[in-house]
Amino acid sequence: MSRDSKKIKEISLGFGAEIIDHPDYLCTKEALGEDAYVHGYNYKRKNSQRKFWLLANNSN
């Protein structure tokens, strides 16, 4: 789970979600979604012993 809202973070944690905080360079208007996906994938790959799926869904 990635998020910008503290309230969404709290609710997500309550449901057992893992939070991946964005580095500053991904918190700009110029940041691309693709860069955020790569960051999340690399974070999970480095910090997880389990296999995982990365799903990216367009909300439009």
PDB file of N, CA and C in Angstrom:
ATOM      1  N   MET A   1       0.849  -1.171   0.000  1.00  0.00           N
ATOM      2  CA  MET A   1       0.000   0.000   0.000  1.00  0.00           C
ATOM      3  C   MET A   1       0.891   1.230   0.000  1.00  0.00           C
ATOM      4  N   SER A   2       0.648   2.123  -0.912  1.00  0.00           N
ATOM      5  CA  SER A   2       1.323   3.416  -0.855  1.00  0.00           C
ATOM      6  C   SER A   2       0.250   4.464  -0.609  1.00  0.00           C
ATOM      7  N   ARG A   3       0.622   5.544   0.005  1.00  0.00           N
ATOM      8  CA  ARG A   3      -0.395   6.518   0.384  1.00  0.00           C
ATOM      9  C   ARG A   3       0.232   7.884   0.633  1.00  0.00           C
ATOM     10  N   ASP A   4      -0.605   8.901   0.581  1.00  0.00           N
ATOM     11  CA  ASP A   4      -0.193  10.251   0.947  1.00  0.00           C
ATOM     12  C   ASP A   4      -0.948  10.747   2.176  1.00  0.00           C
ATOM     13  N   SER A   5      -2.069  10.145   2.490  1.00  0.00           N
ATOM     14  CA  SER A   5      -2.927  10.581   3.585  1.00  0.00           C
ATOM     15  C   SER A   5      -2.646   9.787   4.862  1.00  0.00           C
ATOM     16  N   LYS A   6      -2.453  10.495   5.984  1.00  0.00           N
ATOM     17  CA  LYS A   6      -2.238   9.821   7.265  1.00  0.00           C
ATOM     18  C   LYS A   6      -3.472   9.016   7.670  1.00  0.00           C
ATOM     19  N   LYS A   7      -4.659   9.527   7.361  1.00  0.00           N
ATOM     20  CA  LYS A   7      -5.886   8.822   7.709  1.00  0.00           C
ATOM     21  C   LYS A   7      -5.989   7.508   6.936  1.00  0.00           C
ATOM     22  N   ILE A   8      -5.676   7.544   5.648  1.00  0.00           N
ATOM     23  CA  ILE A   8      -5.704   6.319   4.835  1.00  0.00           C
ATOM     24  C   ILE A   8      -4.661   5.336   5.350  1.00  0.00           C
ATOM     25  N   LYS A   9      -3.495   5.843   5.764  1.00  0.00           N
ATOM     26  CA  LYS A   9      -2.453   4.974   6.314  1.00  0.00           C
ATOM     27  C   LYS A   9      -2.961   4.265   7.565  1.00  0.00           C
ATOM     28  N   GLU A  10      -3.578   4.997   8.472  1.00  0.00           N
ATOM     29  CA  GLU A  10      -4.088   4.401   9.705  1.00  0.00           C
ATOM     30  C   GLU A  10      -5.145   3.340   9.424  1.00  0.00           C
ATOM     31  N   ILE A  11      -6.062   3.633   8.524  1.00  0.00           N
ATOM     32  CA  ILE A  11      -7.111   2.666   8.174  1.00  0.00           C
ATOM     33  C   ILE A  11      -6.486   1.430   7.539  1.00  0.00           C
ATOM     34  N   SER A  12      -5.542   1.634   6.632  1.00  0.00           N
ATOM     35  CA  SER A  12      -4.887   0.518   5.952  1.00  0.00           C
ATOM     36  C   SER A  12      -4.137  -0.374   6.932  1.00  0.00           C
ATOM     37  N   LEU A  13      -3.417   0.240   7.863  1.00  0.00           N
ATOM     38  CA  LEU A  13      -2.693  -0.535   8.870  1.00  0.00           C
ATOM     39  C   LEU A  13      -3.655  -1.364   9.711  1.00  0.00           C
ATOM     40  N   GLY A  14      -4.832  -0.802   9.984  1.00  0.00           N
ATOM     41  CA  GLY A  14      -5.847  -1.515  10.745  1.00  0.00           C
ATOM     42  C   GLY A  14      -6.322  -2.779  10.046  1.00  0.00           C
ATOM     43  N   PHE A  15      -6.206  -2.818   8.724  1.00  0.00           N
ATOM     44  CA  PHE A  15      -6.589  -3.993   7.950  1.00  0.00           C
ATOM     45  C   PHE A  15      -5.384  -4.884   7.625  1.00  0.00           C
ATOM     46  N   GLY A  16      -4.217  -4.550   8.192  1.00  0.00           N
ATOM     47  CA  GLY A  16      -3.036  -5.387   8.009  1.00  0.00           C
ATOM     48  C   GLY A  16      -2.202  -5.079   6.783  1.00  0.00           C
ATOM     49  N   ALA A  17      -2.426  -3.931   6.161  1.00  0.00           N
ATOM     50  CA  ALA A  17      -1.645  -3.571   4.972  1.00  0.00           C
ATOM     51  C   ALA A  17      -0.212  -3.216   5.347  1.00  0.00           C
ATOM     52  N   GLU A  18       0.694  -3.436   4.428  1.00  0.00           N
ATOM     53  CA  GLU A  18       2.071  -2.981   4.584  1.00  0.00           C
ATOM     54  C   GLU A  18       2.198  -1.651   3.862  1.00  0.00           C
ATOM     55  N   ILE A  19       2.760  -0.671   4.520  1.00  0.00           N
ATOM     56  CA  ILE A  19       2.897   0.669   3.949  1.00  0.00           C
ATOM     57  C   ILE A  19       4.308   0.838   3.388  1.00  0.00           C
ATOM     58  N   ILE A  20       4.385   1.310   2.155  1.00  0.00           N
ATOM     59  CA  ILE A  20       5.659   1.657   1.530  1.00  0.00           C
ATOM     60  C   ILE A  20       5.663   3.169   1.350  1.00  0.00           C
ATOM     61  N   ASP A  21       6.476   3.856   2.138  1.00  0.00           N
ATOM     62  CA  ASP A  21       6.544   5.311   2.031  1.00  0.00           C
ATOM     63  C   ASP A  21       7.330   5.708   0.791  1.00  0.00           C
ATOM     64  N   HIS A  22       6.855   6.770   0.121  1.00  0.00           N
ATOM     65  CA  HIS A  22       7.520   7.274  -1.077  1.00  0.00           C
ATOM     66  C   HIS A  22       8.735   8.103  -0.701  1.00  0.00           C
ATOM     67  N   PRO A  23       9.838   7.960  -1.434  1.00  0.00           N
ATOM     68  CA  PRO A  23      10.943   8.899  -1.267  1.00  0.00           C
ATOM     69  C   PRO A  23      10.539  10.267  -1.840  1.00  0.00           C
ATOM     70  N   ASP A  24      11.221  11.299  -1.433  1.00  0.00           N
ATOM     71  CA  ASP A  24      10.860  12.663  -1.843  1.00  0.00           C
ATOM     72  C   ASP A  24      10.772  12.834  -3.355  1.00  0.00           C
ATOM     73  N   TYR A  25      11.649  12.178  -4.113  1.00  0.00           N
ATOM     74  CA  TYR A  25      11.643  12.379  -5.568  1.00  0.00           C
ATOM     75  C   TYR A  25      10.379  11.829  -6.230  1.00  0.00           C
ATOM     76  N   LEU A  26       9.638  10.992  -5.540  1.00  0.00           N
ATOM     77  CA  LEU A  26       8.377  10.491  -6.085  1.00  0.00           C
ATOM     78  C   LEU A  26       7.172  11.319  -5.624  1.00  0.00           C
ATOM     79  N   CYS A  27       7.417  12.352  -4.850  1.00  0.00           N
ATOM     80  CA  CYS A  27       6.346  13.194  -4.313  1.00  0.00           C
ATOM     81  C   CYS A  27       6.293  14.538  -5.026  1.00  0.00           C
ATOM     82  N   THR A  28       6.520  14.541  -6.321  1.00  0.00           N
ATOM     83  CA  THR A  28       6.478  15.768  -7.108  1.00  0.00           C
ATOM     84  C   THR A  28       5.473  15.612  -8.244  1.00  0.00           C
ATOM     85  N   LYS A  29       5.099  16.726  -8.832  1.00  0.00           N
ATOM     86  CA  LYS A  29       4.190  16.692  -9.980  1.00  0.00           C
ATOM     87  C   LYS A  29       4.839  16.020 -11.191  1.00  0.00           C
ATOM     88  N   GLU A  30       6.163  16.025 -11.234  1.00  0.00           N
ATOM     89  CA  GLU A  30       6.877  15.451 -12.365  1.00  0.00           C
ATOM     90  C   GLU A  30       7.068  13.939 -12.238  1.00  0.00           C
ATOM     91  N   ALA A  31       6.857  13.396 -11.050  1.00  0.00           N
ATOM     92  CA  ALA A  31       7.080  11.968 -10.828  1.00  0.00           C
ATOM     93  C   ALA A  31       6.101  11.139 -11.661  1.00  0.00           C
ATOM     94  N   LEU A  32       6.608  10.060 -12.226  1.00  0.00           N
ATOM     95  CA  LEU A  32       5.791   9.181 -13.050  1.00  0.00           C
ATOM     96  C   LEU A  32       5.284   8.001 -12.237  1.00  0.00           C
ATOM     97  N   GLY A  33       4.098   7.543 -12.576  1.00  0.00           N
ATOM     98  CA  GLY A  33       3.555   6.360 -11.928  1.00  0.00           C
ATOM     99  C   GLY A  33       4.480   5.168 -12.091  1.00  0.00           C
ATOM    100  N   GLU A  34       5.092   5.053 -13.266  1.00  0.00           N
ATOM    101  CA  GLU A  34       5.998   3.949 -13.529  1.00  0.00           C
ATOM    102  C   GLU A  34       7.164   3.928 -12.541  1.00  0.00           C
ATOM    103  N   ASP A  35       7.650   5.116 -12.175  1.00  0.00           N
ATOM    104  CA  ASP A  35       8.742   5.198 -11.207  1.00  0.00           C
ATOM    105  C   ASP A  35       8.284   4.719  -9.826  1.00  0.00           C
ATOM    106  N   ALA A  36       7.051   5.042  -9.457  1.00  0.00           N
ATOM    107  CA  ALA A  36       6.505   4.590  -8.178  1.00  0.00           C
ATOM    108  C   ALA A  36       6.349   3.072  -8.173  1.00  0.00           C
ATOM    109  N   TYR A  37       5.904   2.491  -9.299  1.00  0.00           N
ATOM    110  CA  TYR A  37       5.763   1.038  -9.383  1.00  0.00           C
ATOM    111  C   TYR A  37       7.120   0.351  -9.221  1.00  0.00           C
ATOM    112  N   VAL A  38       8.133   0.901  -9.885  1.00  0.00           N
ATOM    113  CA  VAL A  38       9.478   0.328  -9.787  1.00  0.00           C
ATOM    114  C   VAL A  38       9.981   0.429  -8.353  1.00  0.00           C
ATOM    115  N   HIS A  39       9.754   1.565  -7.712  1.00  0.00           N
ATOM    116  CA  HIS A  39      10.177   1.732  -6.318  1.00  0.00           C
ATOM    117  C   HIS A  39       9.500   0.685  -5.429  1.00  0.00           C
ATOM    118  N   GLY A  40       8.195   0.506  -5.585  1.00  0.00           N
ATOM    119  CA  GLY A  40       7.467  -0.480  -4.781  1.00  0.00           C
ATOM    120  C   GLY A  40       7.962  -1.894  -5.034  1.00  0.00           C
ATOM    121  N   TYR A  41       8.180  -2.228  -6.295  1.00  0.00           N
ATOM    122  CA  TYR A  41       8.679  -3.557  -6.645  1.00  0.00           C
ATOM    123  C   TYR A  41      10.046  -3.802  -6.023  1.00  0.00           C
ATOM    124  N   ASN A  42      10.949  -2.845  -6.178  1.00  0.00           N
ATOM    125  CA  ASN A  42      12.302  -3.005  -5.631  1.00  0.00           C
ATOM    126  C   ASN A  42      12.280  -3.087  -4.106  1.00  0.00           C
ATOM    127  N   TYR A  43      11.408  -2.311  -3.475  1.00  0.00           N
ATOM    128  CA  TYR A  43      11.284  -2.363  -2.010  1.00  0.00           C
ATOM    129  C   TYR A  43      10.861  -3.760  -1.569  1.00  0.00           C
ATOM    130  N   LYS A  44       9.823  -4.301  -2.206  1.00  0.00           N
ATOM    131  CA  LYS A  44       9.327  -5.624  -1.823  1.00  0.00           C
ATOM    132  C   LYS A  44      10.360  -6.703  -2.128  1.00  0.00           C
ATOM    133  N   ARG A  45      11.024  -6.581  -3.249  1.00  0.00           N
ATOM    134  CA  ARG A  45      12.032  -7.570  -3.632  1.00  0.00           C
ATOM    135  C   ARG A  45      13.163  -7.622  -2.611  1.00  0.00           C
ATOM    136  N   LYS A  46      13.541  -6.458  -2.098  1.00  0.00           N
ATOM    137  CA  LYS A  46      14.637  -6.372  -1.133  1.00  0.00           C
ATOM    138  C   LYS A  46      14.197  -6.782   0.275  1.00  0.00           C
ATOM    139  N   ASN A  47      12.943  -6.500   0.643  1.00  0.00           N
ATOM    140  CA  ASN A  47      12.499  -6.657   2.029  1.00  0.00           C
ATOM    141  C   ASN A  47      11.541  -7.816   2.274  1.00  0.00           C
ATOM    142  N   SER A  48      11.377  -8.691   1.323  1.00  0.00           N
ATOM    143  CA  SER A  48      10.419  -9.779   1.505  1.00  0.00           C
ATOM    144  C   SER A  48      11.054 -11.119   1.186  1.00  0.00           C
ATOM    145  N   GLN A  49      10.730 -12.105   1.990  1.00  0.00           N
ATOM    146  CA  GLN A  49      11.194 -13.466   1.743  1.00  0.00           C
ATOM    147  C   GLN A  49      10.170 -14.244   0.921  1.00  0.00           C
ATOM    148  N   ARG A  50       8.971 -13.696   0.781  1.00  0.00           N
ATOM    149  CA  ARG A  50       7.893 -14.382   0.067  1.00  0.00           C
ATOM    150  C   ARG A  50       7.784 -13.885  -1.364  1.00  0.00           C
ATOM    151  N   LYS A  51       7.205 -14.712  -2.210  1.00  0.00           N
ATOM    152  CA  LYS A  51       6.883 -14.275  -3.569  1.00  0.00           C
ATOM    153  C   LYS A  51       5.712 -13.307  -3.490  1.00  0.00           C
ATOM    154  N   PHE A  52       5.617 -12.396  -4.436  1.00  0.00           N
ATOM    155  CA  PHE A  52       4.538 -11.425  -4.429  1.00  0.00           C
ATOM    156  C   PHE A  52       4.187 -11.036  -5.848  1.00  0.00           C
ATOM    157  N   TRP A  53       3.026 -10.468  -5.990  1.00  0.00           N
ATOM    158  CA  TRP A  53       2.542  -9.948  -7.267  1.00  0.00           C
ATOM    159  C   TRP A  53       2.445  -8.440  -7.156  1.00  0.00           C
ATOM    160  N   LEU A  54       2.842  -7.747  -8.188  1.00  0.00           N
ATOM    161  CA  LEU A  54       2.672  -6.295  -8.257  1.00  0.00           C
ATOM    162  C   LEU A  54       1.613  -6.022  -9.319  1.00  0.00           C
ATOM    163  N   LEU A  55       0.477  -5.519  -8.889  1.00  0.00           N
ATOM    164  CA  LEU A  55      -0.623  -5.207  -9.793  1.00  0.00           C
ATOM    165  C   LEU A  55      -0.775  -3.707  -9.883  1.00  0.00           C
ATOM    166  N   ALA A  56      -0.815  -3.185 -11.076  1.00  0.00           N
ATOM    167  CA  ALA A  56      -1.015  -1.752 -11.301  1.00  0.00           C
ATOM    168  C   ALA A  56      -2.318  -1.586 -12.059  1.00  0.00           C
ATOM    169  N   ASN A  57      -3.241  -0.853 -11.462  1.00  0.00           N
ATOM    170  CA  ASN A  57      -4.555  -0.683 -12.050  1.00  0.00           C
ATOM    171  C   ASN A  57      -4.852   0.791 -12.234  1.00  0.00           C
ATOM    172  N   ASN A  58      -5.234   1.175 -13.423  1.00  0.00           N
ATOM    173  CA  ASN A  58      -5.601   2.555 -13.709  1.00  0.00           C
ATOM    174  C   ASN A  58      -6.975   2.827 -13.127  1.00  0.00           C
ATOM    175  N   SER A  59      -7.121   3.905 -12.389  1.00  0.00           N
ATOM    176  CA  SER A  59      -8.401   4.210 -11.741  1.00  0.00           C
ATOM    177  C   SER A  59      -9.382   4.912 -12.676  1.00  0.00           C
ATOM    178  N   ASN A  60      -8.977   5.242 -13.887  1.00  0.00           N
ATOM    179  CA  ASN A  60      -9.870   5.941 -14.816  1.00  0.00           C
ATOM    180  C   ASN A  60     -10.735   4.975 -15.575  1.00  0.00           C
TER     181      ASN A  60
END
